[in-house]
Amino acid sequence: MSNQTKILDDILYQKLRPWLDQNSLDQKFASKISTVRSVSTDYPFKYEIDFLRPTDNKTKYYNKLILNNTKEECTKIVNLIQEDDNEKLIKYWLEDTLNKRIKTRLKDIGKLIKEKDYALTYIDPKKASFELDQTHKANTFIIQLLKLAYMQLYLEIQAAFGSYIEDKLIEQDFYTQLLFEPVPDETFIKEIQVIEIEAKPEPKTKRQQSKTPSAVHSFTYTQLNTNPDKLTDLWDSLKLNNLISKHTTLVNFKKVFSGSEIKTPVQWTGNISELFYFIKLMYSDHKLVEDLKQKQWEVTCQCFVDADGNTFERSKFRSLKRPNLTGDTIEKVVAHLI
């Protein structure tokens, strides 16, 4: 995984540059719009782009490509930085991503807008003339949207790692410090407002009481909100003792103890008896995870796979006991969570 924004960079520097002759024909993009896959992510975005509506096939294609890729790149880069869980490495990634990469791209976009006259006024529906060159207007739309995409990326990453950043930027700073152009009257990057509505308790009916409990996807560590660093210590210890794969990322590991749906199970490289004892200590003996109503082995099978990537069989956990050779080691590993 890397912090390179390949598609966005291709639009700015390489073969996807909208002003190239090969990208000038609007009809060429009619069949390409549907080829851009929509990105689905559970990342809690803080900002959204609220730009002008695309007007032709070319702008519709680039609009979809840029917005989807921005979501994908943001999720990828934040996960990349979080994986290290090391202050020096986090600061390195932030310096490289925000200051060396994104700021450089925004400066280059500022120069490009001046050189090719891609001013926002050409696509402002309240000011622009319909007699203007439509190709130029389409290219202006794309570059202006690309500018917003890099700005959103910066703001999202800055928000995710705010405690590591001293000199934070607001939207106006991009225009005055990097783009050197007037701040627009209307801002196109909106902060997403989360409105919490307190639900009124409804009287339980017999039908409601008989409903099947919602599905449980993973364990929930009881100190998840107060002592999340203990999960990092557990992750380190399990890898050190060759009980989980060396390639297990911290992000994926923490999901196993977050109550979230598991898309990438953790590869357990110890034997099944060791996994049994690991779960028994956490769940039954020390009660370090929330009660699962006797579904702990079902959840174990969702969260972990064996060394070959195969799913464990729930029924096999019933007859297992404390492993003689490694029991003490697993007790020390679990102690990181207590």
C-alpha atoms as a PDB file:
ATOM      1  CA  MET A   1       0.000   0.000   0.000  1.00  0.00           C
ATOM      2  CA  SER A   2       1.314   3.497  -0.825  1.00  0.00           C
ATOM      3  CA  ASN A   3       0.253   7.112  -0.376  1.00  0.00           C
ATOM      4  CA  GLN A   4       0.327   7.840  -4.120  1.00  0.00           C
ATOM      5  CA  THR A   5      -2.877   9.283  -5.606  1.00  0.00           C
ATOM      6  CA  LYS A   6      -2.434   7.647  -8.999  1.00  0.00           C
ATOM      7  CA  ILE A   7      -5.723   8.447 -10.775  1.00  0.00           C
ATOM      8  CA  LEU A   8      -5.838  12.029  -9.559  1.00  0.00           C
ATOM      9  CA  ASP A   9      -2.185  12.471 -10.520  1.00  0.00           C
ATOM     10  CA  ASP A  10      -2.870  10.995 -13.979  1.00  0.00           C
ATOM     11  CA  ILE A  11      -5.542  13.658 -14.520  1.00  0.00           C
ATOM     12  CA  LEU A  12      -3.083  16.385 -13.576  1.00  0.00           C
ATOM     13  CA  TYR A  13       0.143  15.088 -15.125  1.00  0.00           C
ATOM     14  CA  GLN A  14      -0.356  12.075 -17.378  1.00  0.00           C
ATOM     15  CA  LYS A  15      -2.642  10.457 -19.986  1.00  0.00           C
ATOM     16  CA  LEU A  16      -5.903  11.558 -18.334  1.00  0.00           C
ATOM     17  CA  ARG A  17      -5.147  15.274 -18.769  1.00  0.00           C
ATOM     18  CA  PRO A  18      -8.444  16.635 -20.118  1.00  0.00           C
ATOM     19  CA  TRP A  19      -6.856  19.099 -22.570  1.00  0.00           C
ATOM     20  CA  LEU A  20      -4.995  16.404 -24.526  1.00  0.00           C
ATOM     21  CA  ASP A  21      -6.241  15.831 -28.087  1.00  0.00           C
ATOM     22  CA  GLN A  22      -7.086  12.227 -27.256  1.00  0.00           C
ATOM     23  CA  ASN A  23      -9.442  13.460 -24.518  1.00  0.00           C
ATOM     24  CA  SER A  24     -11.106  16.276 -26.425  1.00  0.00           C
ATOM     25  CA  LEU A  25     -14.057  14.463 -28.037  1.00  0.00           C
ATOM     26  CA  ASP A  26     -17.084  14.550 -25.757  1.00  0.00           C
ATOM     27  CA  GLN A  27     -18.822  11.562 -27.365  1.00  0.00           C
ATOM     28  CA  LYS A  28     -15.825   9.363 -26.514  1.00  0.00           C
ATOM     29  CA  PHE A  29     -16.832   9.481 -22.845  1.00  0.00           C
ATOM     30  CA  ALA A  30     -20.495   8.515 -23.279  1.00  0.00           C
ATOM     31  CA  SER A  31     -19.776   4.777 -22.999  1.00  0.00           C
ATOM     32  CA  LYS A  32     -17.071   5.234 -20.356  1.00  0.00           C
ATOM     33  CA  ILE A  33     -19.252   6.761 -17.641  1.00  0.00           C
ATOM     34  CA  SER A  34     -20.702   3.389 -16.614  1.00  0.00           C
ATOM     35  CA  THR A  35     -17.204   1.844 -16.384  1.00  0.00           C
ATOM     36  CA  VAL A  36     -16.301   3.950 -13.357  1.00  0.00           C
ATOM     37  CA  ARG A  37     -17.099   1.796 -10.352  1.00  0.00           C
ATOM     38  CA  SER A  38     -18.771   3.356  -7.355  1.00  0.00           C
ATOM     39  CA  VAL A  39     -16.737   3.190  -4.173  1.00  0.00           C
ATOM     40  CA  SER A  40     -18.392   1.887  -1.025  1.00  0.00           C
ATOM     41  CA  THR A  41     -16.567   2.610   2.220  1.00  0.00           C
ATOM     42  CA  ASP A  42     -17.500   2.849   5.885  1.00  0.00           C
ATOM     43  CA  TYR A  43     -14.910   5.582   6.476  1.00  0.00           C
ATOM     44  CA  PRO A  44     -16.472   8.449   8.503  1.00  0.00           C
ATOM     45  CA  PHE A  45     -15.783  11.377   6.159  1.00  0.00           C
ATOM     46  CA  LYS A  46     -15.742  14.845   7.727  1.00  0.00           C
ATOM     47  CA  TYR A  47     -16.127  16.765   4.469  1.00  0.00           C
ATOM     48  CA  GLU A  48     -17.928  16.511   1.142  1.00  0.00           C
ATOM     49  CA  ILE A  49     -17.581  18.274  -2.211  1.00  0.00           C
ATOM     50  CA  ASP A  50     -20.685  20.201  -3.276  1.00  0.00           C
ATOM     51  CA  PHE A  51     -19.669  21.361  -6.746  1.00  0.00           C
ATOM     52  CA  LEU A  52     -21.499  22.440  -9.890  1.00  0.00           C
ATOM     53  CA  ARG A  53     -23.425  19.836 -11.882  1.00  0.00           C
ATOM     54  CA  PRO A  54     -21.588  18.269 -14.843  1.00  0.00           C
ATOM     55  CA  THR A  55     -23.110  19.251 -18.173  1.00  0.00           C
ATOM     56  CA  ASP A  56     -21.854  16.790 -20.807  1.00  0.00           C
ATOM     57  CA  ASN A  57     -20.424  13.272 -21.162  1.00  0.00           C
ATOM     58  CA  LYS A  58     -16.855  14.341 -20.537  1.00  0.00           C
ATOM     59  CA  THR A  59     -17.581  16.248 -17.335  1.00  0.00           C
ATOM     60  CA  LYS A  60     -19.920  13.496 -16.106  1.00  0.00           C
ATOM     61  CA  TYR A  61     -17.167  10.910 -16.596  1.00  0.00           C
ATOM     62  CA  TYR A  62     -14.459  12.951 -14.872  1.00  0.00           C
ATOM     63  CA  ASN A  63     -16.856  14.022 -12.116  1.00  0.00           C
ATOM     64  CA  LYS A  64     -17.620  10.398 -11.242  1.00  0.00           C
ATOM     65  CA  LEU A  65     -13.970   9.361 -11.597  1.00  0.00           C
ATOM     66  CA  ILE A  66     -12.642  12.132  -9.349  1.00  0.00           C
ATOM     67  CA  LEU A  67     -15.257  11.891  -6.597  1.00  0.00           C
ATOM     68  CA  ASN A  68     -15.072   8.106  -6.338  1.00  0.00           C
ATOM     69  CA  ASN A  69     -11.283   8.073  -6.427  1.00  0.00           C
ATOM     70  CA  THR A  70     -11.065  10.746  -3.732  1.00  0.00           C
ATOM     71  CA  LYS A  71     -13.071   8.535  -1.365  1.00  0.00           C
ATOM     72  CA  GLU A  72     -10.948   5.513  -2.206  1.00  0.00           C
ATOM     73  CA  GLU A  73      -7.613   7.320  -1.812  1.00  0.00           C
ATOM     74  CA  CYS A  74      -8.645   8.966   1.450  1.00  0.00           C
ATOM     75  CA  THR A  75      -9.612   5.626   3.013  1.00  0.00           C
ATOM     76  CA  LYS A  76      -6.430   3.983   1.727  1.00  0.00           C
ATOM     77  CA  ILE A  77      -4.061   6.700   2.957  1.00  0.00           C
ATOM     78  CA  VAL A  78      -5.638   7.009   6.415  1.00  0.00           C
ATOM     79  CA  ASN A  79      -5.453   3.228   6.866  1.00  0.00           C
ATOM     80  CA  LEU A  80      -1.834   3.246   5.689  1.00  0.00           C
ATOM     81  CA  ILE A  81      -0.828   5.859   8.253  1.00  0.00           C
ATOM     82  CA  GLN A  82      -2.793   4.190  11.064  1.00  0.00           C
ATOM     83  CA  GLU A  83      -1.153   0.824  10.436  1.00  0.00           C
ATOM     84  CA  ASP A  84       2.241   1.946  11.696  1.00  0.00           C
ATOM     85  CA  ASP A  85       1.045   3.081  15.127  1.00  0.00           C
ATOM     86  CA  ASN A  86       4.447   4.696  15.612  1.00  0.00           C
ATOM     87  CA  GLU A  87       4.643   8.442  16.192  1.00  0.00           C
ATOM     88  CA  LYS A  88       7.784   8.951  14.093  1.00  0.00           C
ATOM     89  CA  LEU A  89       6.390   6.969  11.167  1.00  0.00           C
ATOM     90  CA  ILE A  90       3.025   8.718  11.392  1.00  0.00           C
ATOM     91  CA  LYS A  91       4.744  12.113  11.257  1.00  0.00           C
ATOM     92  CA  TYR A  92       6.842  10.920   8.319  1.00  0.00           C
ATOM     93  CA  TRP A  93       3.744   9.833   6.362  1.00  0.00           C
ATOM     94  CA  LEU A  94       1.931  13.082   7.174  1.00  0.00           C
ATOM     95  CA  GLU A  95       4.899  15.186   6.052  1.00  0.00           C
ATOM     96  CA  ASP A  96       5.276  13.196   2.839  1.00  0.00           C
ATOM     97  CA  THR A  97       1.547  13.069   2.042  1.00  0.00           C
ATOM     98  CA  LEU A  98       0.378  16.535   3.043  1.00  0.00           C
ATOM     99  CA  ASN A  99       3.397  18.804   2.573  1.00  0.00           C
ATOM    100  CA  LYS A 100       5.385  17.091  -0.170  1.00  0.00           C
ATOM    101  CA  ARG A 101       2.596  15.597  -2.275  1.00  0.00           C
ATOM    102  CA  ILE A 102      -0.776  17.296  -1.887  1.00  0.00           C
ATOM    103  CA  LYS A 103       0.570  20.832  -1.418  1.00  0.00           C
ATOM    104  CA  THR A 104       2.788  20.393  -4.499  1.00  0.00           C
ATOM    105  CA  ARG A 105      -0.188  19.249  -6.579  1.00  0.00           C
ATOM    106  CA  LEU A 106      -2.269  22.207  -5.453  1.00  0.00           C
ATOM    107  CA  LYS A 107       0.538  24.633  -6.359  1.00  0.00           C
ATOM    108  CA  ASP A 108       0.802  22.987  -9.798  1.00  0.00           C
ATOM    109  CA  ILE A 109      -2.967  23.270 -10.266  1.00  0.00           C
ATOM    110  CA  GLY A 110      -2.784  26.952  -9.358  1.00  0.00           C
ATOM    111  CA  LYS A 111      -0.152  27.482 -12.070  1.00  0.00           C
ATOM    112  CA  LEU A 112      -2.160  25.417 -14.573  1.00  0.00           C
ATOM    113  CA  ILE A 113      -5.328  27.449 -13.966  1.00  0.00           C
ATOM    114  CA  LYS A 114      -3.425  30.654 -14.759  1.00  0.00           C
ATOM    115  CA  GLU A 115      -1.546  29.249 -17.772  1.00  0.00           C
ATOM    116  CA  LYS A 116      -4.625  27.754 -19.445  1.00  0.00           C
ATOM    117  CA  ASP A 117      -7.124  30.294 -18.135  1.00  0.00           C
ATOM    118  CA  TYR A 118      -9.292  27.756 -16.310  1.00  0.00           C
ATOM    119  CA  ALA A 119     -10.896  30.373 -14.091  1.00  0.00           C
ATOM    120  CA  LEU A 120     -14.010  29.453 -12.140  1.00  0.00           C
ATOM    121  CA  THR A 121     -15.985  32.285 -13.754  1.00  0.00           C
ATOM    122  CA  TYR A 122     -16.103  30.361 -17.062  1.00  0.00           C
ATOM    123  CA  ILE A 123     -18.329  27.666 -15.543  1.00  0.00           C
ATOM    124  CA  ASP A 124     -20.319  29.790 -13.090  1.00  0.00           C
ATOM    125  CA  PRO A 125     -23.892  29.392 -14.428  1.00  0.00           C
ATOM    126  CA  LYS A 126     -24.760  32.879 -13.159  1.00  0.00           C
ATOM    127  CA  LYS A 127     -21.854  34.572 -14.952  1.00  0.00           C
ATOM    128  CA  ALA A 128     -20.664  32.385 -17.839  1.00  0.00           C
ATOM    129  CA  SER A 129     -21.748  32.900 -21.431  1.00  0.00           C
ATOM    130  CA  PHE A 130     -23.196  29.963 -23.341  1.00  0.00           C
ATOM    131  CA  GLU A 131     -21.247  31.143 -26.390  1.00  0.00           C
ATOM    132  CA  LEU A 132     -17.905  30.199 -24.803  1.00  0.00           C
ATOM    133  CA  ASP A 133     -15.869  27.267 -26.113  1.00  0.00           C
ATOM    134  CA  GLN A 134     -17.551  24.189 -24.620  1.00  0.00           C
ATOM    135  CA  THR A 135     -14.322  22.171 -24.614  1.00  0.00           C
ATOM    136  CA  HIS A 136     -12.600  24.884 -22.610  1.00  0.00           C
ATOM    137  CA  LYS A 137     -15.531  24.988 -20.190  1.00  0.00           C
ATOM    138  CA  ALA A 138     -15.385  21.197 -19.720  1.00  0.00           C
ATOM    139  CA  ASN A 139     -11.640  21.306 -19.034  1.00  0.00           C
ATOM    140  CA  THR A 140     -12.175  24.146 -16.573  1.00  0.00           C
ATOM    141  CA  PHE A 141     -14.836  22.130 -14.742  1.00  0.00           C
ATOM    142  CA  ILE A 142     -12.507  19.113 -14.453  1.00  0.00           C
ATOM    143  CA  ILE A 143      -9.473  21.017 -13.182  1.00  0.00           C
ATOM    144  CA  GLN A 144     -11.536  23.017 -10.699  1.00  0.00           C
ATOM    145  CA  LEU A 145     -13.057  19.794  -9.379  1.00  0.00           C
ATOM    146  CA  LEU A 146      -9.631  18.153  -9.221  1.00  0.00           C
ATOM    147  CA  LYS A 147      -8.458  21.089  -7.132  1.00  0.00           C
ATOM    148  CA  LEU A 148     -11.289  20.460  -4.672  1.00  0.00           C
ATOM    149  CA  ALA A 149     -10.464  16.743  -4.549  1.00  0.00           C
ATOM    150  CA  TYR A 150      -6.887  17.400  -3.386  1.00  0.00           C
ATOM    151  CA  MET A 151      -8.186  19.947  -0.891  1.00  0.00           C
ATOM    152  CA  GLN A 152     -10.662  17.435   0.555  1.00  0.00           C
ATOM    153  CA  LEU A 153      -7.942  14.792   0.801  1.00  0.00           C
ATOM    154  CA  TYR A 154      -5.766  17.210   2.755  1.00  0.00           C
ATOM    155  CA  LEU A 155      -8.587  18.209   5.115  1.00  0.00           C
ATOM    156  CA  GLU A 156      -9.672  14.610   5.755  1.00  0.00           C
ATOM    157  CA  ILE A 157      -6.144  13.411   6.561  1.00  0.00           C
ATOM    158  CA  GLN A 158      -5.533  16.500   8.686  1.00  0.00           C
ATOM    159  CA  ALA A 159      -8.746  15.795  10.637  1.00  0.00           C
ATOM    160  CA  ALA A 160      -7.828  12.124  11.145  1.00  0.00           C
ATOM    161  CA  PHE A 161      -4.394  12.961  12.588  1.00  0.00           C
ATOM    162  CA  GLY A 162      -5.004  16.403  14.046  1.00  0.00           C
ATOM    163  CA  SER A 163      -3.029  15.699  17.221  1.00  0.00           C
ATOM    164  CA  TYR A 164       0.157  15.306  15.128  1.00  0.00           C
ATOM    165  CA  ILE A 165      -0.309  18.545  13.139  1.00  0.00           C
ATOM    166  CA  GLU A 166       0.496  21.931  14.612  1.00  0.00           C
ATOM    167  CA  ASP A 167      -0.162  24.234  11.654  1.00  0.00           C
ATOM    168  CA  LYS A 168      -3.626  23.243  10.457  1.00  0.00           C
ATOM    169  CA  LEU A 169      -5.111  24.649   7.248  1.00  0.00           C
ATOM    170  CA  ILE A 170      -8.653  25.813   6.661  1.00  0.00           C
ATOM    171  CA  GLU A 171     -10.227  25.997   3.201  1.00  0.00           C
ATOM    172  CA  GLN A 172      -9.345  29.670   2.667  1.00  0.00           C
ATOM    173  CA  ASP A 173      -5.652  28.911   3.309  1.00  0.00           C
ATOM    174  CA  PHE A 174      -5.445  26.759   0.188  1.00  0.00           C
ATOM    175  CA  TYR A 175      -6.359  29.765  -1.954  1.00  0.00           C
ATOM    176  CA  THR A 176      -4.121  32.303  -0.215  1.00  0.00           C
ATOM    177  CA  GLN A 177      -1.065  30.111   0.473  1.00  0.00           C
ATOM    178  CA  LEU A 178      -0.968  27.555  -2.355  1.00  0.00           C
ATOM    179  CA  LEU A 179      -3.230  28.524  -5.262  1.00  0.00           C
ATOM    180  CA  PHE A 180      -2.750  32.295  -5.056  1.00  0.00           C
ATOM    181  CA  GLU A 181      -6.222  33.050  -6.298  1.00  0.00           C
ATOM    182  CA  PRO A 182      -9.233  34.829  -4.787  1.00  0.00           C
ATOM    183  CA  VAL A 183     -11.310  32.889  -2.278  1.00  0.00           C
ATOM    184  CA  PRO A 184     -14.610  32.095  -4.052  1.00  0.00           C
ATOM    185  CA  ASP A 185     -17.841  33.644  -2.793  1.00  0.00           C
ATOM    186  CA  GLU A 186     -19.311  30.177  -2.411  1.00  0.00           C
ATOM    187  CA  THR A 187     -17.347  27.411  -0.729  1.00  0.00           C
ATOM    188  CA  PHE A 188     -17.571  24.038  -2.464  1.00  0.00           C
ATOM    189  CA  ILE A 189     -16.232  21.902   0.385  1.00  0.00           C
ATOM    190  CA  LYS A 190     -18.795  21.426   3.122  1.00  0.00           C
ATOM    191  CA  GLU A 191     -18.193  20.075   6.588  1.00  0.00           C
ATOM    192  CA  ILE A 192     -20.593  17.203   7.152  1.00  0.00           C
ATOM    193  CA  GLN A 193     -22.909  17.939  10.032  1.00  0.00           C
ATOM    194  CA  VAL A 194     -23.808  14.914  12.125  1.00  0.00           C
ATOM    195  CA  ILE A 195     -27.196  15.414  13.755  1.00  0.00           C
ATOM    196  CA  GLU A 196     -27.938  13.053  16.595  1.00  0.00           C
ATOM    197  CA  ILE A 197     -31.615  12.539  17.307  1.00  0.00           C
ATOM    198  CA  GLU A 198     -32.500  11.044  20.631  1.00  0.00           C
ATOM    199  CA  ALA A 199     -34.881   8.206  20.010  1.00  0.00           C
ATOM    200  CA  LYS A 200     -37.904   7.933  22.259  1.00  0.00           C
ATOM    201  CA  PRO A 201     -38.225   4.530  23.872  1.00  0.00           C
ATOM    202  CA  GLU A 202     -41.141   2.589  22.504  1.00  0.00           C
ATOM    203  CA  PRO A 203     -43.208   0.291  24.669  1.00  0.00           C
ATOM    204  CA  LYS A 204     -42.273  -3.293  23.951  1.00  0.00           C
ATOM    205  CA  THR A 205     -44.882  -5.403  22.296  1.00  0.00           C
ATOM    206  CA  LYS A 206     -44.930  -9.152  22.229  1.00  0.00           C
ATOM    207  CA  ARG A 207     -43.848  -9.029  18.603  1.00  0.00           C
ATOM    208  CA  GLN A 208     -40.851  -6.829  19.411  1.00  0.00           C
ATOM    209  CA  GLN A 209     -39.822  -9.040  22.301  1.00  0.00           C
ATOM    210  CA  SER A 210     -39.737 -12.077  20.064  1.00  0.00           C
ATOM    211  CA  LYS A 211     -37.479 -10.501  17.464  1.00  0.00           C
ATOM    212  CA  THR A 212     -34.241 -12.330  16.704  1.00  0.00           C
ATOM    213  CA  PRO A 213     -31.199 -10.476  18.138  1.00  0.00           C
ATOM    214  CA  SER A 214     -29.117  -8.590  15.583  1.00  0.00           C
ATOM    215  CA  ALA A 215     -26.153 -10.437  14.127  1.00  0.00           C
ATOM    216  CA  VAL A 216     -22.841 -10.227  16.006  1.00  0.00           C
ATOM    217  CA  HIS A 217     -19.807  -9.829  13.769  1.00  0.00           C
ATOM    218  CA  SER A 218     -16.847  -9.571  16.154  1.00  0.00           C
ATOM    219  CA  PHE A 219     -15.754  -9.154  19.765  1.00  0.00           C
ATOM    220  CA  THR A 220     -16.037  -5.821  21.583  1.00  0.00           C
ATOM    221  CA  TYR A 221     -13.175  -5.071  23.955  1.00  0.00           C
ATOM    222  CA  THR A 222     -14.553  -3.603  27.189  1.00  0.00           C
ATOM    223  CA  GLN A 223     -11.793  -0.960  27.341  1.00  0.00           C
ATOM    224  CA  LEU A 224     -11.984  -0.079  23.628  1.00  0.00           C
ATOM    225  CA  ASN A 225     -12.744   3.597  24.295  1.00  0.00           C
ATOM    226  CA  THR A 226     -10.640   4.076  27.422  1.00  0.00           C
ATOM    227  CA  ASN A 227      -7.502   2.007  26.749  1.00  0.00           C
ATOM    228  CA  PRO A 228      -7.258   1.281  22.988  1.00  0.00           C
ATOM    229  CA  ASP A 229      -3.437   1.089  23.228  1.00  0.00           C
ATOM    230  CA  LYS A 230      -3.782  -2.227  25.058  1.00  0.00           C
ATOM    231  CA  LEU A 231      -4.986  -3.751  21.776  1.00  0.00           C
ATOM    232  CA  THR A 232      -1.774  -2.562  20.153  1.00  0.00           C
ATOM    233  CA  ASP A 233       0.231  -4.322  22.858  1.00  0.00           C
ATOM    234  CA  LEU A 234      -1.818  -7.477  22.309  1.00  0.00           C
ATOM    235  CA  TRP A 235      -1.215  -7.284  18.551  1.00  0.00           C
ATOM    236  CA  ASP A 236       2.546  -6.946  19.114  1.00  0.00           C
ATOM    237  CA  SER A 237       2.633  -9.837  21.573  1.00  0.00           C
ATOM    238  CA  LEU A 238       0.627 -12.208  19.363  1.00  0.00           C
ATOM    239  CA  LYS A 239       2.950 -11.551  16.430  1.00  0.00           C
ATOM    240  CA  LEU A 240       6.041 -11.867  18.616  1.00  0.00           C
ATOM    241  CA  ASN A 241       4.874 -15.293  19.788  1.00  0.00           C
ATOM    242  CA  ASN A 242       3.975 -16.438  16.248  1.00  0.00           C
ATOM    243  CA  LEU A 243       0.288 -16.786  17.079  1.00  0.00           C
ATOM    244  CA  ILE A 244      -0.956 -14.494  14.280  1.00  0.00           C
ATOM    245  CA  SER A 245       0.497 -13.757  10.864  1.00  0.00           C
ATOM    246  CA  LYS A 246       3.354 -11.249  10.712  1.00  0.00           C
ATOM    247  CA  HIS A 247       1.418  -9.528   7.924  1.00  0.00           C
ATOM    248  CA  THR A 248      -1.587  -8.752  10.151  1.00  0.00           C
ATOM    249  CA  THR A 249      -2.217  -5.000  10.070  1.00  0.00           C
ATOM    250  CA  LEU A 250      -3.133  -3.151  13.237  1.00  0.00           C
ATOM    251  CA  VAL A 251      -6.270  -1.756  11.581  1.00  0.00           C
ATOM    252  CA  ASN A 252      -7.629  -5.200  10.719  1.00  0.00           C
ATOM    253  CA  PHE A 253      -6.628  -6.604  14.104  1.00  0.00           C
ATOM    254  CA  LYS A 254      -8.424  -3.867  16.038  1.00  0.00           C
ATOM    255  CA  LYS A 255     -11.619  -4.489  14.045  1.00  0.00           C
ATOM    256  CA  VAL A 256     -11.774  -7.968  15.591  1.00  0.00           C
ATOM    257  CA  PHE A 257     -12.298  -6.258  18.973  1.00  0.00           C
ATOM    258  CA  SER A 258     -14.484  -3.355  17.841  1.00  0.00           C
ATOM    259  CA  GLY A 259     -17.840  -5.053  17.255  1.00  0.00           C
ATOM    260  CA  SER A 260     -17.526  -4.208  13.542  1.00  0.00           C
ATOM    261  CA  GLU A 261     -18.238  -6.469  10.609  1.00  0.00           C
ATOM    262  CA  ILE A 262     -15.116  -8.432   9.641  1.00  0.00           C
ATOM    263  CA  LYS A 263     -14.128  -8.300   5.980  1.00  0.00           C
ATOM    264  CA  THR A 264     -10.535  -9.499   6.440  1.00  0.00           C
ATOM    265  CA  PRO A 265     -10.217 -12.187   9.147  1.00  0.00           C
ATOM    266  CA  VAL A 266      -6.976 -12.400  11.117  1.00  0.00           C
ATOM    267  CA  GLN A 267      -4.770 -15.369  10.195  1.00  0.00           C
ATOM    268  CA  TRP A 268      -4.130 -17.429  13.330  1.00  0.00           C
ATOM    269  CA  THR A 269      -0.768 -19.135  12.882  1.00  0.00           C
ATOM    270  CA  GLY A 270      -0.850 -21.012  16.192  1.00  0.00           C
ATOM    271  CA  ASN A 271      -2.819 -24.231  16.555  1.00  0.00           C
ATOM    272  CA  ILE A 272      -6.542 -24.465  17.263  1.00  0.00           C
ATOM    273  CA  SER A 273      -6.011 -25.340  20.949  1.00  0.00           C
ATOM    274  CA  GLU A 274      -4.068 -22.117  21.403  1.00  0.00           C
ATOM    275  CA  LEU A 275      -6.863 -20.126  19.766  1.00  0.00           C
ATOM    276  CA  PHE A 276      -9.401 -21.876  22.009  1.00  0.00           C
ATOM    277  CA  TYR A 277      -7.464 -20.968  25.139  1.00  0.00           C
ATOM    278  CA  PHE A 278      -6.877 -17.394  23.940  1.00  0.00           C
ATOM    279  CA  ILE A 279     -10.630 -16.842  23.484  1.00  0.00           C
ATOM    280  CA  LYS A 280     -11.545 -18.696  26.688  1.00  0.00           C
ATOM    281  CA  LEU A 281      -9.243 -16.494  28.764  1.00  0.00           C
ATOM    282  CA  MET A 282     -10.627 -13.288  27.241  1.00  0.00           C
ATOM    283  CA  TYR A 283     -14.270 -14.241  27.134  1.00  0.00           C
ATOM    284  CA  SER A 284     -14.989 -16.644  29.980  1.00  0.00           C
ATOM    285  CA  ASP A 285     -12.204 -16.213  32.530  1.00  0.00           C
ATOM    286  CA  HIS A 286     -11.396 -12.482  32.492  1.00  0.00           C
ATOM    287  CA  LYS A 287     -14.519 -11.150  30.720  1.00  0.00           C
ATOM    288  CA  LEU A 288     -12.431  -8.700  28.688  1.00  0.00           C
ATOM    289  CA  VAL A 289     -14.974  -8.594  25.870  1.00  0.00           C
ATOM    290  CA  GLU A 290     -18.711  -8.005  25.963  1.00  0.00           C
ATOM    291  CA  ASP A 291     -21.134 -10.855  26.501  1.00  0.00           C
ATOM    292  CA  LEU A 292     -22.034 -12.680  23.282  1.00  0.00           C
ATOM    293  CA  LYS A 293     -24.768 -14.920  24.701  1.00  0.00           C
ATOM    294  CA  GLN A 294     -22.717 -18.078  24.134  1.00  0.00           C
ATOM    295  CA  LYS A 295     -21.876 -17.119  20.538  1.00  0.00           C
ATOM    296  CA  GLN A 296     -18.165 -16.687  21.230  1.00  0.00           C
ATOM    297  CA  TRP A 297     -17.126 -19.606  19.003  1.00  0.00           C
ATOM    298  CA  GLU A 298     -19.345 -18.497  16.166  1.00  0.00           C
ATOM    299  CA  VAL A 299     -17.723 -15.049  16.350  1.00  0.00           C
ATOM    300  CA  THR A 300     -14.273 -16.652  16.610  1.00  0.00           C
ATOM    301  CA  CYS A 301     -14.877 -18.396  13.289  1.00  0.00           C
ATOM    302  CA  GLN A 302     -15.829 -15.057  11.714  1.00  0.00           C
ATOM    303  CA  CYS A 303     -12.791 -13.225  13.070  1.00  0.00           C
ATOM    304  CA  PHE A 304     -10.013 -15.783  12.555  1.00  0.00           C
ATOM    305  CA  VAL A 305      -8.850 -18.211   9.868  1.00  0.00           C
ATOM    306  CA  ASP A 306      -6.120 -20.837  10.132  1.00  0.00           C
ATOM    307  CA  ALA A 307      -2.567 -20.578   8.780  1.00  0.00           C
ATOM    308  CA  ASP A 308      -3.765 -21.747   5.344  1.00  0.00           C
ATOM    309  CA  GLY A 309      -6.606 -19.239   5.230  1.00  0.00           C
ATOM    310  CA  ASN A 310      -9.310 -21.826   5.952  1.00  0.00           C
ATOM    311  CA  THR A 311     -12.301 -21.183   8.210  1.00  0.00           C
ATOM    312  CA  PHE A 312     -12.334 -22.901  11.598  1.00  0.00           C
ATOM    313  CA  GLU A 313     -15.163 -25.320  12.437  1.00  0.00           C
ATOM    314  CA  ARG A 314     -17.116 -24.146  15.473  1.00  0.00           C
ATOM    315  CA  SER A 315     -17.834 -27.699  16.681  1.00  0.00           C
ATOM    316  CA  LYS A 316     -14.127 -28.468  17.102  1.00  0.00           C
ATOM    317  CA  PHE A 317     -13.705 -25.930  19.899  1.00  0.00           C
ATOM    318  CA  ARG A 318     -15.973 -27.885  22.271  1.00  0.00           C
ATOM    319  CA  SER A 319     -13.514 -30.647  23.162  1.00  0.00           C
ATOM    320  CA  LEU A 320     -10.344 -28.552  23.416  1.00  0.00           C
ATOM    321  CA  LYS A 321      -8.340 -27.826  26.556  1.00  0.00           C
ATOM    322  CA  ARG A 322      -5.516 -25.608  27.767  1.00  0.00           C
ATOM    323  CA  PRO A 323      -2.380 -26.328  25.664  1.00  0.00           C
ATOM    324  CA  ASN A 324       0.337 -27.735  27.926  1.00  0.00           C
ATOM    325  CA  LEU A 325       3.330 -26.269  26.121  1.00  0.00           C
ATOM    326  CA  THR A 326       2.089 -22.763  25.377  1.00  0.00           C
ATOM    327  CA  GLY A 327      -0.590 -22.150  28.015  1.00  0.00           C
ATOM    328  CA  ASP A 328       1.659 -19.894  30.091  1.00  0.00           C
ATOM    329  CA  THR A 329       2.602 -17.875  27.004  1.00  0.00           C
ATOM    330  CA  ILE A 330      -1.012 -17.265  26.040  1.00  0.00           C
ATOM    331  CA  GLU A 331      -1.839 -16.190  29.597  1.00  0.00           C
ATOM    332  CA  LYS A 332       0.946 -13.599  29.392  1.00  0.00           C
ATOM    333  CA  VAL A 333      -0.346 -12.429  26.004  1.00  0.00           C
ATOM    334  CA  VAL A 334      -3.907 -11.972  27.264  1.00  0.00           C
ATOM    335  CA  ALA A 335      -2.592 -10.120  30.329  1.00  0.00           C
ATOM    336  CA  HIS A 336      -1.924  -7.131  28.038  1.00  0.00           C
ATOM    337  CA  LEU A 337      -5.675  -6.492  27.966  1.00  0.00           C
ATOM    338  CA  ILE A 338      -6.314  -6.673  31.698  1.00  0.00           C
END
